[in-house]
Amino acid sequence: MSDYQPTPPSSTPYTGAPSTQGRTNVLAIIALVLAFVVAPGGIICGHIALSQIKRTGEQGRGLALAGTILGYVFTIGYVLLFVGFVALAVAVNNSGFSTSP
């Protein structure tokens, strides 16, 4: 006689819907990438991803949060850099420095 015992079938029926427990939210990944490329896009996608993750239970909350935070940091940095360039241009224009003889 053999000691083979077949495993009983699973008690949960197959519903056809994929499980979202092990999946990473795609918008979370996109938010992180966009934070470096187009910072406001990272902010928007990060907030949308965070709400989807809360609703569906997917993984990727850290990615979405990082994309959102980096998006804010880079956007503020770009604004400050722009304001600095404008202030520099105004200061040079008002200094009376001229390159023409």
PDB file of N, CA and C in Angstrom:
ATOM      1  N   MET A   1       0.827  -1.166   0.000  1.00  0.00           N
ATOM      2  CA  MET A   1       0.000   0.000   0.000  1.00  0.00           C
ATOM      3  C   MET A   1       0.880   1.240   0.000  1.00  0.00           C
ATOM      4  N   SER A   2       0.358   2.283  -0.565  1.00  0.00           N
ATOM      5  CA  SER A   2       1.124   3.522  -0.620  1.00  0.00           C
ATOM      6  C   SER A   2       0.605   4.502   0.423  1.00  0.00           C
ATOM      7  N   ASP A   3       1.473   5.412   0.793  1.00  0.00           N
ATOM      8  CA  ASP A   3       1.109   6.418   1.784  1.00  0.00           C
ATOM      9  C   ASP A   3       0.571   7.696   1.142  1.00  0.00           C
ATOM     10  N   TYR A   4       0.239   7.646  -0.117  1.00  0.00           N
ATOM     11  CA  TYR A   4      -0.236   8.831  -0.830  1.00  0.00           C
ATOM     12  C   TYR A   4      -1.607   9.246  -0.319  1.00  0.00           C
ATOM     13  N   GLN A   5      -1.730  10.531   0.047  1.00  0.00           N
ATOM     14  CA  GLN A   5      -3.020  11.071   0.448  1.00  0.00           C
ATOM     15  C   GLN A   5      -3.248  12.358  -0.342  1.00  0.00           C
ATOM     16  N   PRO A   6      -4.249  12.404  -1.169  1.00  0.00           N
ATOM     17  CA  PRO A   6      -4.488  13.607  -1.968  1.00  0.00           C
ATOM     18  C   PRO A   6      -4.915  14.773  -1.070  1.00  0.00           C
ATOM     19  N   THR A   7      -4.513  15.963  -1.467  1.00  0.00           N
ATOM     20  CA  THR A   7      -4.900  17.140  -0.690  1.00  0.00           C
ATOM     21  C   THR A   7      -6.346  17.491  -1.007  1.00  0.00           C
ATOM     22  N   PRO A   8      -7.108  17.829  -0.002  1.00  0.00           N
ATOM     23  CA  PRO A   8      -8.506  18.175  -0.245  1.00  0.00           C
ATOM     24  C   PRO A   8      -8.599  19.502  -0.994  1.00  0.00           C
ATOM     25  N   PRO A   9      -9.653  19.703  -1.750  1.00  0.00           N
ATOM     26  CA  PRO A   9      -9.802  20.955  -2.489  1.00  0.00           C
ATOM     27  C   PRO A   9      -9.959  22.132  -1.517  1.00  0.00           C
ATOM     28  N   SER A  10      -9.593  23.280  -2.004  1.00  0.00           N
ATOM     29  CA  SER A  10      -9.673  24.490  -1.187  1.00  0.00           C
ATOM     30  C   SER A  10     -11.122  24.793  -0.841  1.00  0.00           C
ATOM     31  N   SER A  11     -11.338  25.296   0.359  1.00  0.00           N
ATOM     32  CA  SER A  11     -12.697  25.577   0.794  1.00  0.00           C
ATOM     33  C   SER A  11     -13.224  26.882   0.206  1.00  0.00           C
ATOM     34  N   THR A  12     -12.323  27.739  -0.291  1.00  0.00           N
ATOM     35  CA  THR A  12     -12.779  28.980  -0.902  1.00  0.00           C
ATOM     36  C   THR A  12     -12.912  28.781  -2.400  1.00  0.00           C
ATOM     37  N   PRO A  13     -14.072  29.043  -2.945  1.00  0.00           N
ATOM     38  CA  PRO A  13     -14.256  28.846  -4.381  1.00  0.00           C
ATOM     39  C   PRO A  13     -13.528  29.922  -5.178  1.00  0.00           C
ATOM     40  N   TYR A  14     -13.171  29.586  -6.392  1.00  0.00           N
ATOM     41  CA  TYR A  14     -12.503  30.531  -7.282  1.00  0.00           C
ATOM     42  C   TYR A  14     -13.537  31.503  -7.811  1.00  0.00           C
ATOM     43  N   THR A  15     -13.305  32.785  -7.592  1.00  0.00           N
ATOM     44  CA  THR A  15     -14.267  33.796  -8.031  1.00  0.00           C
ATOM     45  C   THR A  15     -13.894  34.424  -9.354  1.00  0.00           C
ATOM     46  N   GLY A  16     -12.684  34.227  -9.812  1.00  0.00           N
ATOM     47  CA  GLY A  16     -12.256  34.799 -11.076  1.00  0.00           C
ATOM     48  C   GLY A  16     -11.646  36.177 -10.919  1.00  0.00           C
ATOM     49  N   ALA A  17     -11.824  36.807  -9.782  1.00  0.00           N
ATOM     50  CA  ALA A  17     -11.263  38.135  -9.558  1.00  0.00           C
ATOM     51  C   ALA A  17      -9.849  37.993  -9.011  1.00  0.00           C
ATOM     52  N   PRO A  18      -8.892  38.733  -9.583  1.00  0.00           N
ATOM     53  CA  PRO A  18      -7.525  38.636  -9.074  1.00  0.00           C
ATOM     54  C   PRO A  18      -7.414  39.275  -7.700  1.00  0.00           C
ATOM     55  N   SER A  19      -6.558  38.733  -6.896  1.00  0.00           N
ATOM     56  CA  SER A  19      -6.334  39.261  -5.555  1.00  0.00           C
ATOM     57  C   SER A  19      -5.486  40.518  -5.641  1.00  0.00           C
ATOM     58  N   THR A  20      -5.856  41.538  -4.878  1.00  0.00           N
ATOM     59  CA  THR A  20      -5.097  42.782  -4.898  1.00  0.00           C
ATOM     60  C   THR A  20      -4.136  42.873  -3.727  1.00  0.00           C
ATOM     61  N   GLN A  21      -4.044  41.843  -2.895  1.00  0.00           N
ATOM     62  CA  GLN A  21      -3.194  41.902  -1.714  1.00  0.00           C
ATOM     63  C   GLN A  21      -1.713  41.987  -2.072  1.00  0.00           C
ATOM     64  N   GLY A  22      -1.259  41.269  -3.059  1.00  0.00           N
ATOM     65  CA  GLY A  22       0.154  41.243  -3.392  1.00  0.00           C
ATOM     66  C   GLY A  22       0.542  42.212  -4.485  1.00  0.00           C
ATOM     67  N   ARG A  23      -0.412  42.912  -5.064  1.00  0.00           N
ATOM     68  CA  ARG A  23      -0.134  43.815  -6.178  1.00  0.00           C
ATOM     69  C   ARG A  23       0.266  45.191  -5.676  1.00  0.00           C
ATOM     70  N   THR A  24       1.164  45.819  -6.404  1.00  0.00           N
ATOM     71  CA  THR A  24       1.548  47.198  -6.107  1.00  0.00           C
ATOM     72  C   THR A  24       0.747  48.116  -7.015  1.00  0.00           C
ATOM     73  N   ASN A  25       0.216  49.167  -6.439  1.00  0.00           N
ATOM     74  CA  ASN A  25      -0.579  50.120  -7.197  1.00  0.00           C
ATOM     75  C   ASN A  25       0.296  50.777  -8.259  1.00  0.00           C
ATOM     76  N   VAL A  26      -0.175  50.757  -9.504  1.00  0.00           N
ATOM     77  CA  VAL A  26       0.599  51.281 -10.622  1.00  0.00           C
ATOM     78  C   VAL A  26       0.763  52.795 -10.508  1.00  0.00           C
ATOM     79  N   LEU A  27      -0.280  53.486 -10.069  1.00  0.00           N
ATOM     80  CA  LEU A  27      -0.184  54.942  -9.932  1.00  0.00           C
ATOM     81  C   LEU A  27       0.845  55.349  -8.875  1.00  0.00           C
ATOM     82  N   ALA A  28       1.087  54.497  -7.899  1.00  0.00           N
ATOM     83  CA  ALA A  28       2.112  54.794  -6.897  1.00  0.00           C
ATOM     84  C   ALA A  28       3.495  54.825  -7.545  1.00  0.00           C
ATOM     85  N   ILE A  29       3.739  53.880  -8.434  1.00  0.00           N
ATOM     86  CA  ILE A  29       5.019  53.844  -9.149  1.00  0.00           C
ATOM     87  C   ILE A  29       5.131  55.050 -10.071  1.00  0.00           C
ATOM     88  N   ILE A  30       4.054  55.351 -10.784  1.00  0.00           N
ATOM     89  CA  ILE A  30       4.044  56.502 -11.687  1.00  0.00           C
ATOM     90  C   ILE A  30       4.253  57.795 -10.910  1.00  0.00           C
ATOM     91  N   ALA A  31       3.660  57.906  -9.725  1.00  0.00           N
ATOM     92  CA  ALA A  31       3.820  59.106  -8.902  1.00  0.00           C
ATOM     93  C   ALA A  31       5.277  59.322  -8.531  1.00  0.00           C
ATOM     94  N   LEU A  32       5.961  58.251  -8.177  1.00  0.00           N
ATOM     95  CA  LEU A  32       7.364  58.375  -7.800  1.00  0.00           C
ATOM     96  C   LEU A  32       8.215  58.811  -8.989  1.00  0.00           C
ATOM     97  N   VAL A  33       7.944  58.258 -10.157  1.00  0.00           N
ATOM     98  CA  VAL A  33       8.707  58.635 -11.349  1.00  0.00           C
ATOM     99  C   VAL A  33       8.396  60.076 -11.740  1.00  0.00           C
ATOM    100  N   LEU A  34       7.110  60.435 -11.740  1.00  0.00           N
ATOM    101  CA  LEU A  34       6.725  61.795 -12.129  1.00  0.00           C
ATOM    102  C   LEU A  34       7.242  62.849 -11.160  1.00  0.00           C
ATOM    103  N   ALA A  35       7.450  62.494  -9.910  1.00  0.00           N
ATOM    104  CA  ALA A  35       7.975  63.461  -8.946  1.00  0.00           C
ATOM    105  C   ALA A  35       9.328  63.995  -9.393  1.00  0.00           C
ATOM    106  N   PHE A  36      10.116  63.174 -10.075  1.00  0.00           N
ATOM    107  CA  PHE A  36      11.419  63.614 -10.558  1.00  0.00           C
ATOM    108  C   PHE A  36      11.340  64.296 -11.917  1.00  0.00           C
ATOM    109  N   VAL A  37      10.346  63.942 -12.729  1.00  0.00           N
ATOM    110  CA  VAL A  37      10.256  64.457 -14.093  1.00  0.00           C
ATOM    111  C   VAL A  37       9.353  65.688 -14.150  1.00  0.00           C
ATOM    112  N   VAL A  38       8.113  65.533 -13.710  1.00  0.00           N
ATOM    113  CA  VAL A  38       7.122  66.615 -13.688  1.00  0.00           C
ATOM    114  C   VAL A  38       6.528  66.606 -12.284  1.00  0.00           C
ATOM    115  N   ALA A  39       7.086  67.424 -11.416  1.00  0.00           N
ATOM    116  CA  ALA A  39       6.752  67.359  -9.990  1.00  0.00           C
ATOM    117  C   ALA A  39       5.263  67.499  -9.691  1.00  0.00           C
ATOM    118  N   PRO A  40       4.523  68.429 -10.304  1.00  0.00           N
ATOM    119  CA  PRO A  40       3.086  68.494 -10.003  1.00  0.00           C
ATOM    120  C   PRO A  40       2.333  67.220 -10.399  1.00  0.00           C
ATOM    121  N   GLY A  41       2.794  66.537 -11.425  1.00  0.00           N
ATOM    122  CA  GLY A  41       2.196  65.260 -11.802  1.00  0.00           C
ATOM    123  C   GLY A  41       2.400  64.201 -10.734  1.00  0.00           C
ATOM    124  N   GLY A  42       3.549  64.238 -10.073  1.00  0.00           N
ATOM    125  CA  GLY A  42       3.806  63.321  -8.961  1.00  0.00           C
ATOM    126  C   GLY A  42       2.880  63.577  -7.792  1.00  0.00           C
ATOM    127  N   ILE A  43       2.564  64.863  -7.550  1.00  0.00           N
ATOM    128  CA  ILE A  43       1.649  65.205  -6.467  1.00  0.00           C
ATOM    129  C   ILE A  43       0.256  64.650  -6.757  1.00  0.00           C
ATOM    130  N   ILE A  44      -0.227  64.900  -7.967  1.00  0.00           N
ATOM    131  CA  ILE A  44      -1.578  64.479  -8.338  1.00  0.00           C
ATOM    132  C   ILE A  44      -1.696  62.960  -8.326  1.00  0.00           C
ATOM    133  N   CYS A  45      -0.767  62.282  -8.997  1.00  0.00           N
ATOM    134  CA  CYS A  45      -0.820  60.813  -9.052  1.00  0.00           C
ATOM    135  C   CYS A  45      -0.623  60.204  -7.664  1.00  0.00           C
ATOM    136  N   GLY A  46       0.185  60.823  -6.837  1.00  0.00           N
ATOM    137  CA  GLY A  46       0.403  60.314  -5.494  1.00  0.00           C
ATOM    138  C   GLY A  46      -0.855  60.359  -4.644  1.00  0.00           C
ATOM    139  N   HIS A  47      -1.587  61.461  -4.725  1.00  0.00           N
ATOM    140  CA  HIS A  47      -2.832  61.562  -3.960  1.00  0.00           C
ATOM    141  C   HIS A  47      -3.886  60.572  -4.468  1.00  0.00           C
ATOM    142  N   ILE A  48      -3.979  60.425  -5.784  1.00  0.00           N
ATOM    143  CA  ILE A  48      -4.935  59.463  -6.342  1.00  0.00           C
ATOM    144  C   ILE A  48      -4.550  58.042  -5.928  1.00  0.00           C
ATOM    145  N   ALA A  49      -3.253  57.736  -5.993  1.00  0.00           N
ATOM    146  CA  ALA A  49      -2.785  56.395  -5.610  1.00  0.00           C
ATOM    147  C   ALA A  49      -3.065  56.108  -4.145  1.00  0.00           C
ATOM    148  N   LEU A  50      -2.858  57.106  -3.276  1.00  0.00           N
ATOM    149  CA  LEU A  50      -3.128  56.895  -1.853  1.00  0.00           C
ATOM    150  C   LEU A  50      -4.598  56.581  -1.602  1.00  0.00           C
ATOM    151  N   SER A  51      -5.495  57.256  -2.312  1.00  0.00           N
ATOM    152  CA  SER A  51      -6.925  56.960  -2.116  1.00  0.00           C
ATOM    153  C   SER A  51      -7.283  55.587  -2.676  1.00  0.00           C
ATOM    154  N   GLN A  52      -6.686  55.200  -3.805  1.00  0.00           N
ATOM    155  CA  GLN A  52      -6.944  53.868  -4.358  1.00  0.00           C
ATOM    156  C   GLN A  52      -6.416  52.782  -3.429  1.00  0.00           C
ATOM    157  N   ILE A  53      -5.250  52.991  -2.858  1.00  0.00           N
ATOM    158  CA  ILE A  53      -4.653  52.003  -1.958  1.00  0.00           C
ATOM    159  C   ILE A  53      -5.513  51.842  -0.717  1.00  0.00           C
ATOM    160  N   LYS A  54      -6.028  52.943  -0.211  1.00  0.00           N
ATOM    161  CA  LYS A  54      -6.897  52.868   0.969  1.00  0.00           C
ATOM    162  C   LYS A  54      -8.181  52.099   0.649  1.00  0.00           C
ATOM    163  N   ARG A  55      -8.710  52.293  -0.560  1.00  0.00           N
ATOM    164  CA  ARG A  55      -9.959  51.648  -0.946  1.00  0.00           C
ATOM    165  C   ARG A  55      -9.784  50.176  -1.299  1.00  0.00           C
ATOM    166  N   THR A  56      -8.695  49.837  -2.023  1.00  0.00           N
ATOM    167  CA  THR A  56      -8.535  48.478  -2.536  1.00  0.00           C
ATOM    168  C   THR A  56      -7.643  47.589  -1.681  1.00  0.00           C
ATOM    169  N   GLY A  57      -6.798  48.176  -0.851  1.00  0.00           N
ATOM    170  CA  GLY A  57      -5.890  47.374  -0.039  1.00  0.00           C
ATOM    171  C   GLY A  57      -4.635  46.945  -0.772  1.00  0.00           C
ATOM    172  N   GLU A  58      -4.352  47.553  -1.920  1.00  0.00           N
ATOM    173  CA  GLU A  58      -3.137  47.216  -2.658  1.00  0.00           C
ATOM    174  C   GLU A  58      -1.912  47.694  -1.883  1.00  0.00           C
ATOM    175  N   GLN A  59      -0.764  47.233  -2.335  1.00  0.00           N
ATOM    176  CA  GLN A  59       0.489  47.677  -1.742  1.00  0.00           C
ATOM    177  C   GLN A  59       1.003  48.894  -2.503  1.00  0.00           C
ATOM    178  N   GLY A  60       2.006  49.545  -1.958  1.00  0.00           N
ATOM    179  CA  GLY A  60       2.619  50.687  -2.626  1.00  0.00           C
ATOM    180  C   GLY A  60       2.361  52.004  -1.933  1.00  0.00           C
ATOM    181  N   ARG A  61       1.872  51.946  -0.693  1.00  0.00           N
ATOM    182  CA  ARG A  61       1.582  53.186   0.033  1.00  0.00           C
ATOM    183  C   ARG A  61       2.849  54.017   0.205  1.00  0.00           C
ATOM    184  N   GLY A  62       3.957  53.384   0.491  1.00  0.00           N
ATOM    185  CA  GLY A  62       5.219  54.101   0.662  1.00  0.00           C
ATOM    186  C   GLY A  62       5.676  54.779  -0.617  1.00  0.00           C
ATOM    187  N   LEU A  63       5.492  54.098  -1.745  1.00  0.00           N
ATOM    188  CA  LEU A  63       5.851  54.697  -3.033  1.00  0.00           C
ATOM    189  C   LEU A  63       4.986  55.918  -3.322  1.00  0.00           C
ATOM    190  N   ALA A  64       3.678  55.782  -3.077  1.00  0.00           N
ATOM    191  CA  ALA A  64       2.767  56.893  -3.326  1.00  0.00           C
ATOM    192  C   ALA A  64       3.088  58.070  -2.410  1.00  0.00           C
ATOM    193  N   LEU A  65       3.383  57.771  -1.158  1.00  0.00           N
ATOM    194  CA  LEU A  65       3.713  58.828  -0.211  1.00  0.00           C
ATOM    195  C   LEU A  65       5.026  59.509  -0.596  1.00  0.00           C
ATOM    196  N   ALA A  66       6.003  58.733  -1.006  1.00  0.00           N
ATOM    197  CA  ALA A  66       7.287  59.306  -1.433  1.00  0.00           C
ATOM    198  C   ALA A  66       7.108  60.161  -2.681  1.00  0.00           C
ATOM    199  N   GLY A  67       6.310  59.695  -3.638  1.00  0.00           N
ATOM    200  CA  GLY A  67       6.048  60.487  -4.832  1.00  0.00           C
ATOM    201  C   GLY A  67       5.350  61.790  -4.520  1.00  0.00           C
ATOM    202  N   THR A  68       4.410  61.740  -3.585  1.00  0.00           N
ATOM    203  CA  THR A  68       3.687  62.951  -3.191  1.00  0.00           C
ATOM    204  C   THR A  68       4.621  63.931  -2.495  1.00  0.00           C
ATOM    205  N   ILE A  69       5.396  63.453  -1.536  1.00  0.00           N
ATOM    206  CA  ILE A  69       6.289  64.337  -0.786  1.00  0.00           C
ATOM    207  C   ILE A  69       7.370  64.922  -1.687  1.00  0.00           C
ATOM    208  N   LEU A  70       7.987  64.078  -2.507  1.00  0.00           N
ATOM    209  CA  LEU A  70       9.022  64.583  -3.422  1.00  0.00           C
ATOM    210  C   LEU A  70       8.430  65.559  -4.435  1.00  0.00           C
ATOM    211  N   GLY A  71       7.207  65.295  -4.873  1.00  0.00           N
ATOM    212  CA  GLY A  71       6.546  66.229  -5.790  1.00  0.00           C
ATOM    213  C   GLY A  71       6.386  67.599  -5.164  1.00  0.00           C
ATOM    214  N   TYR A  72       5.958  67.641  -3.900  1.00  0.00           N
ATOM    215  CA  TYR A  72       5.832  68.923  -3.202  1.00  0.00           C
ATOM    216  C   TYR A  72       7.192  69.598  -3.035  1.00  0.00           C
ATOM    217  N   VAL A  73       8.197  68.827  -2.631  1.00  0.00           N
ATOM    218  CA  VAL A  73       9.530  69.397  -2.399  1.00  0.00           C
ATOM    219  C   VAL A  73      10.102  69.975  -3.692  1.00  0.00           C
ATOM    220  N   PHE A  74      10.026  69.221  -4.785  1.00  0.00           N
ATOM    221  CA  PHE A  74      10.568  69.704  -6.050  1.00  0.00           C
ATOM    222  C   PHE A  74       9.765  70.875  -6.604  1.00  0.00           C
ATOM    223  N   THR A  75       8.452  70.865  -6.428  1.00  0.00           N
ATOM    224  CA  THR A  75       7.647  71.990  -6.892  1.00  0.00           C
ATOM    225  C   THR A  75       8.021  73.257  -6.130  1.00  0.00           C
ATOM    226  N   ILE A  76       8.147  73.168  -4.819  1.00  0.00           N
ATOM    227  CA  ILE A  76       8.552  74.331  -4.026  1.00  0.00           C
ATOM    228  C   ILE A  76       9.958  74.781  -4.433  1.00  0.00           C
ATOM    229  N   GLY A  77      10.849  73.828  -4.681  1.00  0.00           N
ATOM    230  CA  GLY A  77      12.205  74.169  -5.118  1.00  0.00           C
ATOM    231  C   GLY A  77      12.209  74.882  -6.456  1.00  0.00           C
ATOM    232  N   TYR A  78      11.399  74.401  -7.406  1.00  0.00           N
ATOM    233  CA  TYR A  78      11.323  75.049  -8.718  1.00  0.00           C
ATOM    234  C   TYR A  78      10.771  76.465  -8.596  1.00  0.00           C
ATOM    235  N   VAL A  79       9.764  76.651  -7.760  1.00  0.00           N
ATOM    236  CA  VAL A  79       9.185  77.981  -7.574  1.00  0.00           C
ATOM    237  C   VAL A  79      10.220  78.923  -6.956  1.00  0.00           C
ATOM    238  N   LEU A  80      10.930  78.452  -5.933  1.00  0.00           N
ATOM    239  CA  LEU A  80      11.958  79.293  -5.315  1.00  0.00           C
ATOM    240  C   LEU A  80      13.093  79.610  -6.283  1.00  0.00           C
ATOM    241  N   LEU A  81      13.462  78.659  -7.105  1.00  0.00           N
ATOM    242  CA  LEU A  81      14.502  78.883  -8.106  1.00  0.00           C
ATOM    243  C   LEU A  81      14.047  79.925  -9.122  1.00  0.00           C
ATOM    244  N   PHE A  82      12.802  79.845  -9.553  1.00  0.00           N
ATOM    245  CA  PHE A  82      12.257  80.810 -10.509  1.00  0.00           C
ATOM    246  C   PHE A  82      12.218  82.208  -9.889  1.00  0.00           C
ATOM    247  N   VAL A  83      11.765  82.299  -8.643  1.00  0.00           N
ATOM    248  CA  VAL A  83      11.712  83.592  -7.961  1.00  0.00           C
ATOM    249  C   VAL A  83      13.127  84.153  -7.805  1.00  0.00           C
ATOM    250  N   GLY A  84      14.087  83.314  -7.519  1.00  0.00           N
ATOM    251  CA  GLY A  84      15.473  83.760  -7.397  1.00  0.00           C
ATOM    252  C   GLY A  84      16.020  84.301  -8.702  1.00  0.00           C
ATOM    253  N   PHE A  85      15.723  83.636  -9.823  1.00  0.00           N
ATOM    254  CA  PHE A  85      16.171  84.120 -11.127  1.00  0.00           C
ATOM    255  C   PHE A  85      15.529  85.459 -11.469  1.00  0.00           C
ATOM    256  N   VAL A  86      14.258  85.599 -11.163  1.00  0.00           N
ATOM    257  CA  VAL A  86      13.571  86.861 -11.432  1.00  0.00           C
ATOM    258  C   VAL A  86      14.168  87.965 -10.568  1.00  0.00           C
ATOM    259  N   ALA A  87      14.419  87.683  -9.303  1.00  0.00           N
ATOM    260  CA  ALA A  87      15.015  88.685  -8.422  1.00  0.00           C
ATOM    261  C   ALA A  87      16.414  89.063  -8.899  1.00  0.00           C
ATOM    262  N   LEU A  88      17.183  88.099  -9.362  1.00  0.00           N
ATOM    263  CA  LEU A  88      18.516  88.374  -9.889  1.00  0.00           C
ATOM    264  C   LEU A  88      18.434  89.241 -11.140  1.00  0.00           C
ATOM    265  N   ALA A  89      17.513  88.942 -12.027  1.00  0.00           N
ATOM    266  CA  ALA A  89      17.349  89.722 -13.250  1.00  0.00           C
ATOM    267  C   ALA A  89      16.944  91.151 -12.933  1.00  0.00           C
ATOM    268  N   VAL A  90      16.050  91.324 -11.985  1.00  0.00           N
ATOM    269  CA  VAL A  90      15.634  92.673 -11.593  1.00  0.00           C
ATOM    270  C   VAL A  90      16.799  93.419 -10.959  1.00  0.00           C
ATOM    271  N   ALA A  91      17.578  92.742 -10.120  1.00  0.00           N
ATOM    272  CA  ALA A  91      18.714  93.393  -9.459  1.00  0.00           C
ATOM    273  C   ALA A  91      19.764  93.821 -10.473  1.00  0.00           C
ATOM    274  N   VAL A  92      20.041  92.975 -11.454  1.00  0.00           N
ATOM    275  CA  VAL A  92      21.029  93.318 -12.478  1.00  0.00           C
ATOM    276  C   VAL A  92      20.505  94.461 -13.340  1.00  0.00           C
ATOM    277  N   ASN A  93      19.233  94.458 -13.652  1.00  0.00           N
ATOM    278  CA  ASN A  93      18.647  95.505 -14.479  1.00  0.00           C
ATOM    279  C   ASN A  93      18.659  96.855 -13.759  1.00  0.00           C
ATOM    280  N   ASN A  94      18.454  96.860 -12.446  1.00  0.00           N
ATOM    281  CA  ASN A  94      18.418  98.101 -11.679  1.00  0.00           C
ATOM    282  C   ASN A  94      19.795  98.564 -11.210  1.00  0.00           C
ATOM    283  N   SER A  95      20.821  97.780 -11.428  1.00  0.00           N
ATOM    284  CA  SER A  95      22.145  98.140 -10.926  1.00  0.00           C
ATOM    285  C   SER A  95      22.815  99.206 -11.780  1.00  0.00           C
ATOM    286  N   GLY A  96      22.346  99.420 -12.980  1.00  0.00           N
ATOM    287  CA  GLY A  96      22.951 100.424 -13.847  1.00  0.00           C
ATOM    288  C   GLY A  96      24.149  99.894 -14.581  1.00  0.00           C
ATOM    289  N   PHE A  97      24.433  98.618 -14.426  1.00  0.00           N
ATOM    290  CA  PHE A  97      25.560  98.003 -15.128  1.00  0.00           C
ATOM    291  C   PHE A  97      25.202  97.862 -16.599  1.00  0.00           C
ATOM    292  N   SER A  98      26.059  98.359 -17.464  1.00  0.00           N
ATOM    293  CA  SER A  98      25.797  98.305 -18.892  1.00  0.00           C
ATOM    294  C   SER A  98      27.027  97.772 -19.585  1.00  0.00           C
ATOM    295  N   THR A  99      26.834  96.935 -20.578  1.00  0.00           N
ATOM    296  CA  THR A  99      27.961  96.388 -21.329  1.00  0.00           C
ATOM    297  C   THR A  99      28.260  97.211 -22.571  1.00  0.00           C
ATOM    298  N   SER A 100      27.360  98.116 -22.942  1.00  0.00           N
ATOM    299  CA  SER A 100      27.613  98.937 -24.139  1.00  0.00           C
ATOM    300  C   SER A 100      28.483 100.137 -23.765  1.00  0.00           C
ATOM    301  N   PRO A 101      29.390 100.567 -24.658  1.00  0.00           N
ATOM    302  CA  PRO A 101      30.316 101.671 -24.347  1.00  0.00           C
ATOM    303  C   PRO A 101      29.639 103.027 -24.327  1.00  0.00           C
TER     304      PRO A 101
END
